Protein backbone atom coordinates (compact mmCIF):
# COMPACT_ATOMS: atom_id res chain seq x y z
CA MET A 1 -18.74 -16.22 -15.81
CA SER A 2 -22.42 -16.40 -16.67
CA TYR A 3 -24.21 -16.00 -19.99
CA VAL A 4 -27.10 -13.68 -20.74
CA ILE A 5 -28.86 -16.42 -22.74
CA ASP A 6 -28.99 -20.19 -22.35
CA ILE A 7 -26.40 -22.06 -24.42
CA GLU A 8 -26.52 -25.59 -25.70
CA ASP A 9 -23.80 -28.24 -25.90
CA ARG A 10 -22.15 -28.82 -29.26
CA PRO A 11 -24.04 -31.16 -31.60
CA GLN A 12 -22.67 -34.69 -31.45
CA LEU A 13 -22.59 -37.80 -33.61
CA PRO A 14 -22.54 -41.30 -32.15
CA ILE A 15 -19.61 -43.66 -32.69
CA GLU A 16 -20.43 -47.04 -34.17
CA GLY A 17 -20.20 -49.74 -31.49
CA SER A 18 -19.37 -47.31 -28.67
CA ASP A 19 -21.05 -45.15 -26.06
CA ASP A 20 -18.65 -42.33 -26.97
CA THR A 21 -19.70 -39.44 -29.19
CA PHE A 22 -17.98 -37.12 -31.66
CA PRO A 23 -18.61 -33.39 -30.99
CA VAL A 24 -19.20 -31.49 -34.23
CA ARG A 25 -17.43 -28.14 -34.64
CA ARG A 26 -17.85 -27.07 -38.27
CA ILE A 27 -19.29 -28.67 -41.41
CA TYR A 28 -17.41 -28.01 -44.65
CA CYS A 29 -18.89 -29.27 -47.93
CA VAL A 30 -17.00 -29.75 -51.21
CA GLY A 31 -18.94 -28.51 -54.23
CA ARG A 32 -19.13 -30.46 -57.50
CA ASN A 33 -16.56 -33.11 -56.61
CA TYR A 34 -17.80 -35.70 -59.14
CA ARG A 35 -17.33 -35.02 -62.85
CA ALA A 36 -20.76 -36.36 -63.85
CA HIS A 37 -22.47 -34.28 -61.18
CA ALA A 38 -20.62 -31.15 -62.33
CA ILE A 39 -21.95 -31.79 -65.84
CA GLU A 40 -25.55 -32.30 -64.67
CA MET A 41 -25.33 -29.01 -62.75
CA GLY A 42 -24.17 -27.20 -65.89
CA ALA A 43 -20.56 -26.69 -64.77
CA ASP A 44 -17.22 -27.23 -66.51
CA PRO A 45 -16.19 -30.82 -65.63
CA ASP A 46 -12.46 -30.17 -65.96
CA ARG A 47 -10.45 -30.49 -62.77
CA GLU A 48 -10.47 -27.04 -61.18
CA PRO A 49 -9.48 -26.15 -57.61
CA PRO A 50 -12.11 -27.33 -55.12
CA PHE A 51 -14.56 -24.87 -53.63
CA PHE A 52 -16.44 -25.08 -50.36
CA PHE A 53 -19.64 -24.04 -48.67
CA MET A 54 -20.64 -24.57 -45.05
CA LYS A 55 -23.54 -25.80 -42.99
CA PRO A 56 -24.07 -24.96 -39.31
CA ALA A 57 -23.11 -27.71 -36.88
CA ASP A 58 -26.65 -27.92 -35.56
CA ALA A 59 -27.90 -28.90 -39.03
CA ILE A 60 -26.75 -32.43 -38.12
CA VAL A 61 -29.50 -35.07 -38.19
CA ARG A 62 -28.88 -38.53 -36.81
CA ASN A 63 -29.45 -41.72 -38.76
CA GLY A 64 -32.99 -43.07 -38.62
CA SER A 65 -34.60 -39.67 -38.08
CA THR A 66 -37.69 -38.22 -39.70
CA ILE A 67 -37.20 -34.64 -40.84
CA SER A 68 -39.68 -31.95 -41.79
CA TYR A 69 -40.03 -30.86 -45.40
CA PRO A 70 -38.36 -27.43 -45.28
CA SER A 71 -40.16 -24.16 -45.83
CA LYS A 72 -39.57 -21.82 -48.80
CA THR A 73 -38.84 -24.56 -51.34
CA GLU A 74 -40.65 -26.61 -53.94
CA ASN A 75 -37.54 -28.49 -55.09
CA PHE A 76 -35.92 -30.27 -52.12
CA HIS A 77 -32.93 -32.40 -53.22
CA TYR A 78 -30.87 -35.29 -51.80
CA GLU A 79 -27.08 -35.61 -52.31
CA ILE A 80 -25.38 -38.71 -50.88
CA GLU A 81 -21.79 -38.11 -49.68
CA LEU A 82 -18.83 -39.62 -47.85
CA VAL A 83 -18.15 -37.67 -44.64
CA ALA A 84 -14.60 -37.34 -43.27
CA ALA A 85 -14.31 -36.49 -39.56
CA ILE A 86 -11.22 -34.55 -38.49
CA GLY A 87 -9.53 -35.77 -35.33
CA ARG A 88 -6.29 -33.78 -35.42
CA GLY A 89 -6.21 -30.17 -36.48
CA GLY A 90 -3.72 -28.16 -38.47
CA ARG A 91 -3.07 -25.45 -41.01
CA ASN A 92 -1.18 -25.75 -44.31
CA ILE A 93 -1.32 -29.54 -43.96
CA ALA A 94 0.87 -31.44 -46.41
CA GLU A 95 -1.05 -33.79 -48.68
CA ALA A 96 1.34 -36.64 -47.84
CA GLY A 97 0.30 -36.56 -44.18
CA ALA A 98 -3.27 -35.31 -44.57
CA LEU A 99 -4.97 -38.65 -43.88
CA ASP A 100 -3.29 -38.74 -40.46
CA HIS A 101 -5.69 -35.93 -39.50
CA VAL A 102 -8.81 -38.04 -40.16
CA TRP A 103 -10.47 -39.65 -37.14
CA GLY A 104 -13.06 -41.60 -39.09
CA TYR A 105 -15.82 -41.62 -41.66
CA GLY A 106 -19.59 -41.59 -41.99
CA VAL A 107 -22.34 -41.54 -44.59
CA GLY A 108 -24.02 -38.17 -45.05
CA ILE A 109 -26.76 -36.57 -47.12
CA ASP A 110 -26.34 -32.96 -48.18
CA LEU A 111 -29.95 -31.74 -48.36
CA THR A 112 -30.54 -28.77 -50.62
CA ARG A 113 -33.29 -26.27 -51.36
CA ARG A 114 -32.36 -26.41 -55.05
CA ASP A 115 -34.69 -23.65 -56.19
CA VAL A 116 -33.43 -21.32 -53.46
CA GLN A 117 -29.83 -22.17 -54.33
CA GLN A 118 -30.39 -21.58 -58.04
CA ALA A 119 -32.11 -18.25 -57.47
CA ALA A 120 -29.14 -17.12 -55.37
CA LYS A 121 -26.71 -18.24 -58.09
CA ASP A 122 -28.68 -16.37 -60.75
CA MET A 123 -28.44 -13.16 -58.71
CA GLY A 124 -24.81 -13.65 -57.74
CA ARG A 125 -25.73 -14.01 -54.08
CA PRO A 126 -24.57 -16.48 -51.39
CA TRP A 127 -26.14 -19.94 -51.25
CA ASP A 128 -26.55 -20.09 -47.47
CA MET A 129 -30.33 -20.44 -47.38
CA GLY A 130 -30.18 -23.07 -50.11
CA LYS A 131 -27.67 -25.25 -48.25
CA GLY A 132 -27.27 -24.29 -44.59
CA PHE A 133 -30.79 -24.61 -43.19
CA ASP A 134 -32.25 -26.65 -40.31
CA GLU A 135 -31.92 -30.45 -40.59
CA SER A 136 -29.87 -30.18 -43.79
CA ALA A 137 -26.96 -32.45 -42.78
CA PRO A 138 -28.03 -36.03 -41.96
CA CYS A 139 -25.12 -38.30 -41.02
CA THR A 140 -24.63 -41.82 -39.71
CA ALA A 141 -22.70 -42.81 -36.64
CA LEU A 142 -18.99 -42.44 -37.37
CA ARG A 143 -16.60 -45.34 -37.76
CA PRO A 144 -12.92 -44.87 -36.82
CA VAL A 145 -10.17 -45.16 -39.42
CA GLY A 146 -8.90 -48.28 -37.68
CA ASP A 147 -12.14 -50.04 -38.61
CA VAL A 148 -12.75 -48.70 -42.12
CA GLY A 149 -9.39 -47.50 -43.45
CA HIS A 150 -9.66 -44.61 -45.92
CA PRO A 151 -12.62 -45.48 -48.18
CA ASP A 152 -11.92 -43.20 -51.13
CA THR A 153 -8.50 -44.76 -51.72
CA GLY A 154 -10.51 -47.65 -53.20
CA ASN A 155 -13.47 -48.07 -55.53
CA GLY A 156 -16.20 -48.79 -52.98
CA ALA A 157 -19.79 -48.18 -54.04
CA ILE A 158 -21.80 -45.12 -53.04
CA ARG A 159 -25.54 -44.99 -53.75
CA LEU A 160 -28.85 -43.53 -52.67
CA LYS A 161 -32.40 -44.83 -53.05
CA VAL A 162 -35.70 -43.00 -52.66
CA ASP A 163 -38.57 -45.32 -51.71
CA GLY A 164 -36.44 -48.27 -52.84
CA GLU A 165 -35.57 -46.85 -56.28
CA VAL A 166 -31.88 -46.23 -56.98
CA LYS A 167 -31.33 -42.56 -57.79
CA GLN A 168 -27.55 -42.14 -57.34
CA GLU A 169 -24.87 -44.77 -57.87
CA SER A 170 -21.12 -44.39 -58.32
CA THR A 171 -17.78 -45.25 -56.71
CA LEU A 172 -15.59 -43.33 -54.28
CA ASP A 173 -12.51 -43.40 -56.50
CA LEU A 174 -14.30 -41.00 -58.87
CA HIS A 175 -13.95 -38.06 -56.49
CA ILE A 176 -12.25 -35.29 -58.47
CA TRP A 177 -10.40 -34.30 -55.29
CA ASN A 178 -9.80 -37.12 -52.81
CA VAL A 179 -9.85 -36.72 -49.03
CA ALA A 180 -6.10 -36.10 -48.68
CA GLU A 181 -6.06 -33.47 -51.42
CA THR A 182 -9.17 -31.81 -50.03
CA ILE A 183 -7.77 -31.57 -46.50
CA ALA A 184 -4.47 -30.15 -47.76
CA TYR A 185 -6.23 -27.53 -49.91
CA LEU A 186 -8.85 -26.52 -47.34
CA SER A 187 -6.20 -26.14 -44.63
CA GLU A 188 -4.54 -23.42 -46.71
CA TYR A 189 -7.63 -21.27 -46.10
CA VAL A 190 -8.69 -22.22 -42.56
CA THR A 191 -7.21 -23.97 -39.56
CA LEU A 192 -8.90 -27.34 -39.33
CA GLU A 193 -9.74 -28.44 -35.80
CA PRO A 194 -10.84 -31.69 -34.14
CA GLY A 195 -14.59 -32.00 -34.57
CA ASP A 196 -14.72 -30.64 -38.12
CA LEU A 197 -16.62 -32.65 -40.74
CA ILE A 198 -15.99 -32.58 -44.48
CA TYR A 199 -18.85 -33.68 -46.75
CA MET A 200 -16.92 -34.88 -49.80
CA GLY A 201 -19.33 -34.22 -52.66
CA THR A 202 -22.02 -36.19 -54.45
CA PRO A 203 -22.29 -38.27 -57.63
CA ASP A 204 -24.72 -37.48 -60.42
CA GLY A 205 -28.40 -38.33 -60.12
CA VAL A 206 -29.42 -35.69 -57.60
CA GLY A 207 -33.12 -34.96 -57.55
CA PRO A 208 -36.17 -34.17 -55.47
CA VAL A 209 -37.53 -35.92 -52.41
CA ARG A 210 -41.11 -35.27 -51.28
CA PRO A 211 -43.12 -35.53 -48.08
CA GLY A 212 -43.85 -39.16 -47.23
CA GLN A 213 -40.75 -40.48 -49.00
CA THR A 214 -37.73 -42.21 -47.47
CA MET A 215 -34.07 -41.87 -48.47
CA GLU A 216 -31.70 -44.81 -48.02
CA GLY A 217 -27.99 -44.23 -48.55
CA HIS A 218 -25.09 -46.68 -48.59
CA ILE A 219 -21.29 -46.53 -48.82
CA ASP A 220 -19.33 -49.79 -48.94
CA GLY A 221 -17.44 -50.40 -45.71
CA VAL A 222 -18.76 -47.24 -44.06
CA GLY A 223 -22.44 -47.75 -43.41
CA ASP A 224 -26.07 -47.14 -44.28
CA ILE A 225 -28.33 -44.16 -43.61
CA THR A 226 -32.13 -43.93 -43.60
CA ILE A 227 -33.92 -40.58 -43.42
CA ALA A 228 -37.67 -40.09 -43.83
CA VAL A 229 -39.39 -36.86 -44.83
CA ALA A 230 -42.55 -35.90 -42.95
């Protein structure tokens, strides 16, 4: 069989300490998964069922890259997040066994055209162009569970700096919905497959990044990410 247009291989993330790579299938993102962030975004902080939005797989940006400031925005925001990489698929996954489906973890930044997102919210329209644009999903090399365990079962630090100034700082145990709960809930709606990534939500302190600035993210035991904006 031949194709009428050229096709590209799936986007891939490197594996820490290995020549192997992790092919990315889908990117799911959990919205407002820290109480303080929900409050700063004007939402009810009480524990409600999680909700999700998606980014295209080719929005992945590797650690150390320089990205372009995106078009159609004047309010470009960073959101530091733990990323869970699915290694074994399933549907209607039980919470008790959900962590068995995780291959490993990385450090991601959910980049957002905040003004575009807000305008869509105000009109009751989808957020896609505010969240799922080119170069909107930076992520480190992944580290397997055998090396890092399951980070959000503890209180490891998560933080992000812009030009050396701390902008976001919290701990992973403050996720409203942890990784196991999130996988179990999401798998009621879609069949998760190997290669899926779940961006687990960001702490409070989100804000703008401008051309010429550099973002530096860190999660204890998982890694560090550096992304510059051209």
